Amino acid sequence: MGAGLKIAVIGGGSSYTPELIEGFIRHYDSFPVTDIVLADIPEGRGKLEIVGGLAQRMVERSGLPIRLQLTLDRREALKDADYVSTQMRVGLLEARGWDESIPLKYGMLGQETTGAGGMMKALRTIPVLLDICKDMEELCPEAWLLNFTNPAGMVTEAILKHTRIRSIGLCNSPIAAYKWLSSLYDLPAERFYCEFVGLNHLHWISRIEVDGESKLEELLEAGGSYSASNVPQLAWNDTLIRTLGAIPSYYLKYYYLHREMLAEQQALAARGETRAQIVKRLEDELFDIYKQPELAEKPKQLEQRGGAYYSEAAVNLMKAIHTDSGEIQTLNVRNNGTIGFLPDDASIEVNCIVREEGIVPVPITRIPEGVSGLIQAVKTYESLAIEAAVTGSRELALLALSNHPLVDSVSVAETMLDEMLETNRRYLPHFFKS
């Protein structure tokens, strides 16, 4: 790689972008970014200009020789890029609202990465990401693609299966776990080691150590767990946690506490408080703040957004690749035998050694008893949904839902699927070929 680096941010008008810019400024000495191109679609022009204005003020305040460019032409952004970061939402928050509300009409969970809602987000998103990868194969074939567009694991698997691009999926859940432990023990995150095993939004922490000393048992006995602002805060079942001998991702509440989570979603929807509606209010507030001409730093209010720390994770990964650090990070990568009961080409979320020439999963020391079946079922659903997204097959989409543990009736799911496909028609042209 050259002395100066070019970063293309697809979805540059995202509310997360100021955190990304902050990371590039903070780590400039070891990760010398000279060109940042924020790209978005015409519908996102207004947000791109607001975020771009704040980003430019942040760069100017830093005094660093970083050139910032805004564009609605993603090919211009991708040309000769060293790293590409994707943080986009096909269909915007309106489509997220559909993902959350339509399944509830049929007595099923509505969530942007889990269940039927998660599948619809994948169906909208995967074809667009594959098109971006085609452009990358032409314009920046050696670039690394860091994807934290949800559902991150499924999107990453689709890219790895159907393109030649080097892609890694990221999630904020692992970094949130380290921040939780750091706060809990009042120690720097570097002192901890956590072993993650599973899939994106379906992982368990099977080891937690401080300077090599296990802390897992005392955390299990205390019933503690990390969480996120975008998942309702229901208490875990203590017996389950102790028996698992591992700390589940907060997204596993949708599986282990299915009835309770569904009831909570239905109650929130009745009050007009779906996550999409909450995020819309948060984003409106954030963009009003971003407009302030005197603001030249990431505002604290950004941490209230459900994806806080995504951008921190992205910059940390880019820097680790660039410096060939060999450090361990938790990422979404190709399985390649790491989890023996899954296909080699499945995307998994595990600890990895980060090197410039590639990302290597760390061998797993323990898979918690009782989780293999759930992992296999969800991975079967994911792989089928990916092929449905690529082919535009309604039949494969229904087969995917039939394998999802949160879908309890294929007949009901078929009616729900028809409504969701029709509602998303303009974003799913390959499902409506004549």
Protein backbone atom coordinates (compact mmCIF):
# COMPACT_ATOMS: atom_id res chain seq x y z
CA MET A 1 0.00 0.00 0.00
CA GLY A 2 1.11 3.55 -0.64
CA ALA A 3 1.98 6.13 1.97
CA GLY A 4 -1.44 7.77 1.72
CA LEU A 5 -4.68 5.82 1.87
CA LYS A 6 -8.01 6.36 0.16
CA ILE A 7 -11.20 5.38 1.98
CA ALA A 8 -14.55 5.12 0.21
CA VAL A 9 -17.57 5.26 2.52
CA ILE A 10 -20.71 3.92 0.83
CA GLY A 11 -23.60 5.40 2.76
CA GLY A 12 -21.55 8.43 3.70
CA GLY A 13 -24.64 10.38 4.76
CA SER A 14 -25.17 7.99 7.67
CA SER A 15 -25.45 9.41 11.16
CA TYR A 16 -22.50 7.15 12.10
CA THR A 17 -20.05 8.92 9.77
CA PRO A 18 -18.77 11.49 12.32
CA GLU A 19 -17.52 8.62 14.50
CA LEU A 20 -15.70 7.19 11.49
CA ILE A 21 -14.07 10.55 10.75
CA GLU A 22 -13.07 10.89 14.40
CA GLY A 23 -11.34 7.51 14.19
CA PHE A 24 -9.39 8.43 11.05
CA ILE A 25 -8.21 11.64 12.72
CA ARG A 26 -7.26 9.94 15.99
CA HIS A 27 -5.27 7.17 14.31
CA TYR A 28 -3.70 9.22 11.54
CA ASP A 29 -0.11 8.57 12.66
CA SER A 30 -0.43 4.79 12.25
CA PHE A 31 -3.17 4.84 9.60
CA PRO A 32 -2.40 7.80 7.29
CA VAL A 33 -5.64 8.46 5.44
CA THR A 34 -5.19 11.21 2.86
CA ASP A 35 -8.47 10.86 0.92
CA ILE A 36 -11.96 10.16 2.24
CA VAL A 37 -14.87 10.02 -0.21
CA LEU A 38 -18.37 9.99 1.28
CA ALA A 39 -20.79 8.55 -1.27
CA ASP A 40 -24.56 8.32 -1.10
CA ILE A 41 -27.65 8.07 -3.30
CA PRO A 42 -29.62 11.07 -4.60
CA GLU A 43 -32.33 10.53 -1.96
CA GLY A 44 -29.63 10.94 0.68
CA ARG A 45 -28.16 14.16 -0.72
CA GLY A 46 -29.47 16.34 2.13
CA LYS A 47 -28.04 14.14 4.88
CA LEU A 48 -24.78 13.72 2.96
CA GLU A 49 -24.31 17.48 2.77
CA ILE A 50 -25.05 17.92 6.48
CA VAL A 51 -22.74 15.09 7.57
CA GLY A 52 -20.14 16.17 5.04
CA GLY A 53 -20.14 19.69 6.45
CA LEU A 54 -19.50 18.40 9.96
CA ALA A 55 -16.83 15.99 8.68
CA GLN A 56 -15.06 18.83 6.87
CA ARG A 57 -15.07 20.96 10.02
CA MET A 58 -13.63 18.02 11.99
CA VAL A 59 -10.83 17.57 9.45
CA GLU A 60 -10.05 21.30 9.33
CA ARG A 61 -9.93 21.45 13.12
CA SER A 62 -7.47 18.53 13.17
CA GLY A 63 -5.05 20.33 10.87
CA LEU A 64 -4.27 17.05 9.11
CA PRO A 65 -3.70 16.82 5.33
CA ILE A 66 -6.89 14.86 4.68
CA ARG A 67 -8.93 15.60 1.55
CA LEU A 68 -12.67 15.07 1.97
CA GLN A 69 -15.00 14.67 -0.99
CA LEU A 70 -18.77 14.18 -1.25
CA THR A 71 -20.31 12.42 -4.22
CA LEU A 72 -23.48 10.80 -5.52
CA ASP A 73 -21.38 8.71 -7.92
CA ARG A 74 -20.22 5.58 -6.13
CA ARG A 75 -17.89 4.58 -8.98
CA GLU A 76 -16.02 7.84 -8.48
CA ALA A 77 -15.76 7.00 -4.79
CA LEU A 78 -14.53 3.45 -5.40
CA LYS A 79 -11.84 4.20 -7.98
CA ASP A 80 -8.42 3.27 -6.55
CA ALA A 81 -9.75 2.95 -3.00
CA ASP A 82 -7.66 1.02 -0.47
CA TYR A 83 -10.59 0.37 1.86
CA VAL A 84 -14.34 0.49 1.30
CA SER A 85 -16.74 0.81 4.20
CA THR A 86 -20.45 0.14 3.72
CA GLN A 87 -23.04 1.55 6.11
CA MET A 88 -26.20 1.78 4.07
CA ARG A 89 -29.89 1.08 4.45
CA VAL A 90 -31.72 0.12 1.27
CA GLY A 91 -35.25 1.48 1.59
CA LEU A 92 -34.22 3.90 4.36
CA LEU A 93 -36.08 3.92 7.68
CA GLU A 94 -39.42 3.53 5.93
CA ALA A 95 -38.47 -0.02 4.96
CA ARG A 96 -37.22 -0.72 8.46
CA GLY A 97 -40.67 0.26 9.68
CA TRP A 98 -42.19 -2.35 7.36
CA ASP A 99 -39.75 -5.01 8.61
CA GLU A 100 -40.81 -4.34 12.18
CA SER A 101 -44.56 -3.85 11.75
CA ILE A 102 -45.72 -6.36 9.13
CA PRO A 103 -44.60 -9.53 10.98
CA LEU A 104 -46.40 -8.31 14.12
CA LYS A 105 -49.69 -8.44 12.17
CA TYR A 106 -49.09 -12.18 11.81
CA GLY A 107 -48.07 -12.80 15.40
CA MET A 108 -44.35 -12.94 14.61
CA LEU A 109 -41.36 -10.90 15.70
CA GLY A 110 -40.43 -7.90 13.60
CA GLN A 111 -36.76 -6.94 13.81
CA GLU A 112 -34.24 -5.53 11.34
CA THR A 113 -31.77 -8.44 11.49
CA THR A 114 -33.73 -11.35 13.01
CA GLY A 115 -36.67 -13.35 11.69
CA ALA A 116 -38.82 -12.26 8.75
CA GLY A 117 -37.84 -8.60 9.07
CA GLY A 118 -34.17 -9.50 8.97
CA MET A 119 -34.74 -11.60 5.89
CA MET A 120 -36.45 -8.74 4.07
CA LYS A 121 -33.55 -6.46 4.87
CA ALA A 122 -31.22 -9.11 3.44
CA LEU A 123 -33.33 -9.47 0.28
CA ARG A 124 -33.16 -5.70 -0.32
CA THR A 125 -29.51 -5.32 0.61
CA ILE A 126 -27.58 -8.26 -0.83
CA PRO A 127 -28.19 -7.46 -4.54
CA VAL A 128 -27.04 -3.87 -4.00
CA LEU A 129 -23.87 -4.98 -2.21
CA LEU A 130 -23.11 -7.47 -4.95
CA ASP A 131 -23.43 -4.66 -7.51
CA ILE A 132 -21.01 -2.58 -5.45
CA CYS A 133 -18.61 -5.51 -5.44
CA LYS A 134 -18.81 -5.74 -9.25
CA ASP A 135 -17.73 -2.11 -9.39
CA MET A 136 -14.93 -2.86 -6.93
CA GLU A 137 -13.70 -5.77 -9.05
CA GLU A 138 -13.22 -3.25 -11.85
CA LEU A 139 -12.15 -0.11 -9.98
CA CYS A 140 -10.33 -1.28 -6.83
CA PRO A 141 -9.94 -5.07 -6.97
CA GLU A 142 -7.32 -5.20 -4.19
CA ALA A 143 -9.34 -3.13 -1.73
CA TRP A 144 -10.70 -4.52 1.51
CA LEU A 145 -14.47 -4.25 1.93
CA LEU A 146 -15.54 -3.74 5.54
CA ASN A 147 -19.25 -4.36 5.76
CA PHE A 148 -21.34 -3.36 8.73
CA THR A 149 -24.55 -3.07 6.78
CA ASN A 150 -27.02 -5.40 8.49
CA PRO A 151 -27.65 -8.28 8.49
CA ALA A 152 -23.85 -8.20 8.48
CA GLY A 153 -23.19 -11.94 8.61
CA MET A 154 -25.55 -12.75 5.74
CA VAL A 155 -24.30 -9.87 3.60
CA THR A 156 -20.69 -10.93 4.20
CA GLU A 157 -21.47 -14.55 3.28
CA ALA A 158 -23.15 -13.44 0.06
CA ILE A 159 -20.12 -11.35 -0.92
CA LEU A 160 -17.67 -14.17 -0.12
CA LYS A 161 -19.75 -16.69 -2.11
CA HIS A 162 -20.55 -14.57 -5.15
CA THR A 163 -17.64 -12.15 -5.66
CA ARG A 164 -13.84 -12.05 -5.68
CA ILE A 165 -13.69 -9.15 -3.21
CA ARG A 166 -11.92 -9.49 0.14
CA SER A 167 -14.72 -8.74 2.59
CA ILE A 168 -15.05 -8.80 6.36
CA GLY A 169 -18.23 -8.26 8.35
CA LEU A 170 -18.30 -6.19 11.50
CA CYS A 171 -20.74 -5.79 14.36
CA ASN A 172 -20.71 -3.53 17.38
CA SER A 173 -21.76 -6.33 19.75
CA PRO A 174 -18.22 -7.61 20.50
CA ILE A 175 -16.77 -4.17 21.13
CA ALA A 176 -19.81 -3.38 23.32
CA ALA A 177 -19.02 -6.49 25.38
CA TYR A 178 -15.45 -5.31 25.98
CA LYS A 179 -16.66 -1.85 26.96
CA TRP A 180 -19.15 -3.45 29.39
CA LEU A 181 -16.38 -5.50 31.01
CA SER A 182 -14.03 -2.53 31.12
CA SER A 183 -16.66 -0.48 32.94
CA LEU A 184 -17.65 -3.35 35.23
CA TYR A 185 -14.10 -4.06 36.43
CA ASP A 186 -12.74 -0.53 35.96
CA LEU A 187 -9.90 -1.89 33.83
CA PRO A 188 -8.77 -1.09 30.28
CA ALA A 189 -10.31 -3.31 27.60
CA GLU A 190 -6.83 -4.51 26.58
CA ARG A 191 -6.63 -6.51 29.83
CA PHE A 192 -9.56 -8.75 28.81
CA TYR A 193 -9.80 -11.73 26.50
CA CYS A 194 -13.21 -12.97 25.37
CA GLU A 195 -13.85 -15.95 23.14
CA PHE A 196 -16.86 -15.48 20.84
CA VAL A 197 -18.50 -18.38 19.07
CA GLY A 198 -21.50 -18.38 16.71
CA LEU A 199 -22.97 -16.20 14.00
CA ASN A 200 -23.65 -12.51 13.66
CA HIS A 201 -26.31 -11.59 16.23
CA LEU A 202 -26.26 -15.22 17.37
CA HIS A 203 -23.08 -15.60 19.39
CA TRP A 204 -22.07 -16.65 22.88
CA ILE A 205 -19.05 -15.59 24.95
CA SER A 206 -17.58 -18.87 26.17
CA ARG A 207 -14.42 -17.48 27.86
CA ILE A 208 -13.78 -14.23 29.71
CA GLU A 209 -10.34 -13.67 31.21
CA VAL A 210 -8.49 -10.79 32.83
CA ASP A 211 -4.73 -11.15 32.47
CA GLY A 212 -5.28 -14.86 31.91
CA GLU A 213 -7.53 -15.36 34.97
CA SER A 214 -11.06 -16.57 34.23
CA LYS A 215 -13.90 -14.28 35.27
CA LEU A 216 -16.65 -16.19 33.50
CA GLU A 217 -17.92 -18.12 36.53
CA GLU A 218 -18.39 -15.07 38.72
CA LEU A 219 -20.14 -13.21 35.90
CA LEU A 220 -22.50 -16.14 35.32
CA GLU A 221 -23.32 -16.33 39.03
CA ALA A 222 -23.96 -12.58 39.11
CA GLY A 223 -26.35 -12.88 36.17
CA GLY A 224 -24.68 -10.00 34.38
CA SER A 225 -24.73 -9.36 30.65
CA TYR A 226 -23.94 -6.64 28.17
CA SER A 227 -26.79 -5.20 26.13
CA ALA A 228 -27.72 -2.56 23.58
CA SER A 229 -30.15 0.31 23.33
CA ASN A 230 -31.95 -1.26 20.36
CA VAL A 231 -32.92 -4.49 22.18
CA PRO A 232 -35.56 -4.43 24.97
CA GLN A 233 -34.01 -4.97 28.40
CA LEU A 234 -35.77 -8.09 29.64
CA ALA A 235 -33.95 -10.05 32.33
CA TRP A 236 -32.31 -13.32 31.34
CA ASN A 237 -33.37 -16.65 32.80
CA ASP A 238 -30.64 -17.27 35.40
CA THR A 239 -30.95 -21.05 35.24
CA LEU A 240 -30.38 -21.00 31.49
CA ILE A 241 -27.32 -18.75 31.74
CA ARG A 242 -25.67 -20.87 34.43
CA THR A 243 -26.40 -24.08 32.51
CA LEU A 244 -25.04 -22.68 29.25
CA GLY A 245 -21.85 -21.66 31.00
CA ALA A 246 -21.62 -18.77 28.55
CA ILE A 247 -22.95 -15.25 28.13
CA PRO A 248 -25.33 -14.92 25.16
CA SER A 249 -25.51 -12.01 22.78
CA TYR A 250 -28.45 -9.78 23.68
CA TYR A 251 -30.02 -10.68 20.32
CA LEU A 252 -30.49 -14.21 21.63
CA LYS A 253 -33.33 -12.89 23.77
CA TYR A 254 -35.43 -13.10 20.61
CA TYR A 255 -34.91 -16.88 20.75
CA TYR A 256 -34.67 -17.70 24.46
CA LEU A 257 -37.42 -15.25 25.51
CA HIS A 258 -39.50 -15.35 22.36
CA ARG A 259 -42.96 -14.83 23.89
CA GLU A 260 -41.80 -12.02 26.17
CA MET A 261 -40.00 -10.18 23.38
CA LEU A 262 -42.97 -10.54 21.02
CA ALA A 263 -45.34 -9.18 23.68
CA GLU A 264 -43.03 -6.24 24.30
CA GLN A 265 -42.78 -5.47 20.59
CA GLN A 266 -46.56 -5.58 20.22
CA ALA A 267 -46.99 -3.23 23.18
CA LEU A 268 -44.40 -0.78 21.84
CA ALA A 269 -45.98 -0.83 18.38
CA ALA A 270 -49.40 -0.10 19.89
CA ARG A 271 -47.87 3.01 21.51
CA GLY A 272 -46.16 4.12 18.32
CA GLU A 273 -42.73 3.30 19.71
CA THR A 274 -41.22 0.82 17.25
CA ARG A 275 -37.47 0.94 16.92
CA ALA A 276 -37.79 2.52 13.47
CA GLN A 277 -39.84 5.36 14.94
CA ILE A 278 -37.38 5.85 17.80
CA VAL A 279 -34.41 5.84 15.40
CA LYS A 280 -36.17 8.39 13.17
CA ARG A 281 -36.53 10.76 16.13
CA LEU A 282 -32.92 10.19 17.21
CA GLU A 283 -31.64 10.80 13.70
CA ASP A 284 -33.69 13.98 13.30
CA GLU A 285 -32.16 15.26 16.55
CA LEU A 286 -28.65 14.24 15.48
CA PHE A 287 -28.88 15.96 12.11
CA ASP A 288 -30.16 19.13 13.76
CA ILE A 289 -27.05 19.01 15.95
CA TYR A 290 -24.79 18.25 12.97
CA LYS A 291 -26.06 21.39 11.22
CA GLN A 292 -24.66 23.66 13.94
CA PRO A 293 -21.84 25.58 12.23
CA GLU A 294 -19.75 25.77 15.41
CA LEU A 295 -19.79 21.97 15.90
CA ALA A 296 -16.47 20.40 14.89
CA GLU A 297 -16.47 17.10 16.81
CA LYS A 298 -18.58 13.98 17.17
CA PRO A 299 -21.45 14.83 19.56
CA LYS A 300 -22.05 12.63 22.61
CA GLN A 301 -25.66 12.10 21.52
CA LEU A 302 -24.43 9.75 18.78
CA GLU A 303 -23.81 7.07 21.42
CA GLN A 304 -27.58 6.81 21.95
CA ARG A 305 -27.87 5.35 18.44
CA GLY A 306 -28.15 1.55 18.50
CA GLY A 307 -25.01 1.06 16.41
CA ALA A 308 -22.65 3.01 18.65
CA TYR A 309 -19.02 1.82 18.28
CA TYR A 310 -19.53 0.33 14.80
CA SER A 311 -17.25 2.96 13.33
CA GLU A 312 -14.69 2.55 16.10
CA ALA A 313 -14.56 -1.15 15.26
CA ALA A 314 -14.18 -0.36 11.55
CA VAL A 315 -11.24 2.01 12.02
CA ASN A 316 -9.55 -0.41 14.43
CA LEU A 317 -9.81 -3.16 11.81
CA MET A 318 -8.50 -1.03 8.94
CA LYS A 319 -5.55 0.07 11.06
CA ALA A 320 -4.80 -3.52 12.13
CA ILE A 321 -4.74 -4.68 8.50
CA HIS A 322 -2.59 -1.74 7.38
CA THR A 323 -0.04 -2.22 10.16
CA ASP A 324 -0.08 -6.04 9.92
CA SER A 325 -0.66 -6.01 13.67
CA GLY A 326 -1.57 -9.66 14.25
CA GLU A 327 -4.02 -8.56 16.94
CA ILE A 328 -7.18 -10.48 17.71
CA GLN A 329 -10.55 -9.01 16.75
CA THR A 330 -14.04 -10.53 16.59
CA LEU A 331 -15.19 -10.55 12.97
CA ASN A 332 -17.54 -12.16 10.45
CA VAL A 333 -15.45 -14.36 8.19
CA ARG A 334 -15.55 -17.58 6.14
CA ASN A 335 -15.82 -20.63 8.38
CA ASN A 336 -13.18 -22.85 6.75
CA GLY A 337 -13.62 -25.60 9.34
CA THR A 338 -13.52 -23.36 12.42
CA ILE A 339 -16.98 -24.56 13.50
CA GLY A 340 -16.90 -28.17 12.40
CA PHE A 341 -20.63 -28.74 11.96
CA LEU A 342 -21.09 -25.79 9.56
CA PRO A 343 -20.17 -25.63 5.84
CA ASP A 344 -16.76 -24.20 5.04
CA ASP A 345 -18.31 -21.34 3.05
CA ALA A 346 -20.63 -20.23 5.87
CA SER A 347 -20.02 -16.85 7.48
CA ILE A 348 -19.36 -17.08 11.23
CA GLU A 349 -18.60 -14.55 13.98
CA VAL A 350 -15.47 -15.55 15.90
CA ASN A 351 -12.13 -14.23 17.09
CA CYS A 352 -9.62 -13.75 14.27
CA ILE A 353 -5.96 -12.87 13.89
CA VAL A 354 -5.69 -9.78 11.67
CA ARG A 355 -2.80 -9.68 9.21
CA GLU A 356 -2.20 -7.62 6.10
CA GLU A 357 -2.37 -10.67 3.85
CA GLY A 358 -5.59 -12.01 5.36
CA ILE A 359 -7.81 -12.69 8.35
CA VAL A 360 -7.39 -16.05 10.10
CA PRO A 361 -9.99 -17.42 12.57
CA VAL A 362 -8.62 -18.44 15.97
CA PRO A 363 -9.38 -22.07 16.87
CA ILE A 364 -12.35 -22.27 19.25
CA THR A 365 -11.62 -23.87 22.60
CA ARG A 366 -15.21 -24.52 23.66
CA ILE A 367 -18.65 -24.47 22.06
CA PRO A 368 -21.26 -24.21 24.85
CA GLU A 369 -23.41 -27.29 25.25
CA GLY A 370 -26.87 -26.92 23.76
CA VAL A 371 -26.15 -24.22 21.16
CA SER A 372 -25.10 -26.26 18.11
CA GLY A 373 -28.66 -27.01 16.99
CA LEU A 374 -29.70 -23.37 17.09
CA ILE A 375 -26.59 -22.31 15.17
CA GLN A 376 -27.24 -24.95 12.50
CA ALA A 377 -30.91 -24.00 12.13
CA VAL A 378 -30.20 -20.28 11.78
CA LYS A 379 -27.32 -20.91 9.39
CA THR A 380 -29.60 -23.07 7.21
CA TYR A 381 -32.12 -20.22 7.14
CA GLU A 382 -29.38 -17.69 6.34
CA SER A 383 -27.88 -19.67 3.47
CA LEU A 384 -31.31 -20.22 1.89
CA ALA A 385 -32.23 -16.53 2.32
CA ILE A 386 -28.96 -15.50 0.65
CA GLU A 387 -29.75 -17.65 -2.39
CA ALA A 388 -33.28 -16.23 -2.45
CA ALA A 389 -31.80 -12.72 -2.48
CA VAL A 390 -29.43 -13.59 -5.32
CA THR A 391 -31.96 -15.44 -7.48
CA GLY A 392 -35.18 -13.58 -6.68
CA SER A 393 -36.86 -16.85 -5.72
CA ARG A 394 -40.02 -16.51 -3.63
CA GLU A 395 -39.95 -20.27 -3.09
CA LEU A 396 -36.45 -20.18 -1.58
CA ALA A 397 -37.47 -17.23 0.60
CA LEU A 398 -40.35 -19.27 2.01
CA LEU A 399 -38.09 -22.29 2.49
CA ALA A 400 -35.69 -20.04 4.38
CA LEU A 401 -38.49 -18.88 6.69
CA SER A 402 -39.60 -22.47 7.22
CA ASN A 403 -36.18 -23.19 8.74
CA HIS A 404 -36.13 -20.14 11.01
CA PRO A 405 -36.73 -21.03 14.68
CA LEU A 406 -38.92 -17.94 15.17
CA VAL A 407 -41.39 -18.90 12.41
CA ASP A 408 -44.06 -21.22 13.79
CA SER A 409 -46.35 -21.66 10.75
CA VAL A 410 -45.32 -21.91 7.13
CA SER A 411 -48.87 -21.19 5.97
CA VAL A 412 -48.99 -17.96 7.95
CA ALA A 413 -45.43 -17.17 6.88
CA GLU A 414 -46.39 -17.54 3.20
CA THR A 415 -49.17 -14.95 3.50
CA MET A 416 -46.83 -12.67 5.45
CA LEU A 417 -44.08 -13.12 2.86
CA ASP A 418 -46.44 -12.16 0.02
CA GLU A 419 -47.35 -8.93 1.80
CA MET A 420 -43.74 -8.09 2.63
CA LEU A 421 -42.56 -8.75 -0.92
CA GLU A 422 -45.35 -6.63 -2.38
CA THR A 423 -44.68 -3.80 0.07
CA ASN A 424 -40.98 -3.89 -0.88
CA ARG A 425 -41.67 -4.32 -4.61
CA ARG A 426 -39.70 -1.28 -5.75
CA TYR A 427 -36.58 -2.54 -3.95
CA LEU A 428 -36.95 -6.15 -5.16
CA PRO A 429 -37.21 -6.01 -8.96
CA HIS A 430 -35.69 -9.49 -9.37
CA PHE A 431 -38.65 -10.96 -7.43
CA PHE A 432 -41.12 -9.43 -9.90
CA LYS A 433 -39.78 -10.37 -13.30
CA SER A 434 -42.50 -10.72 -15.95
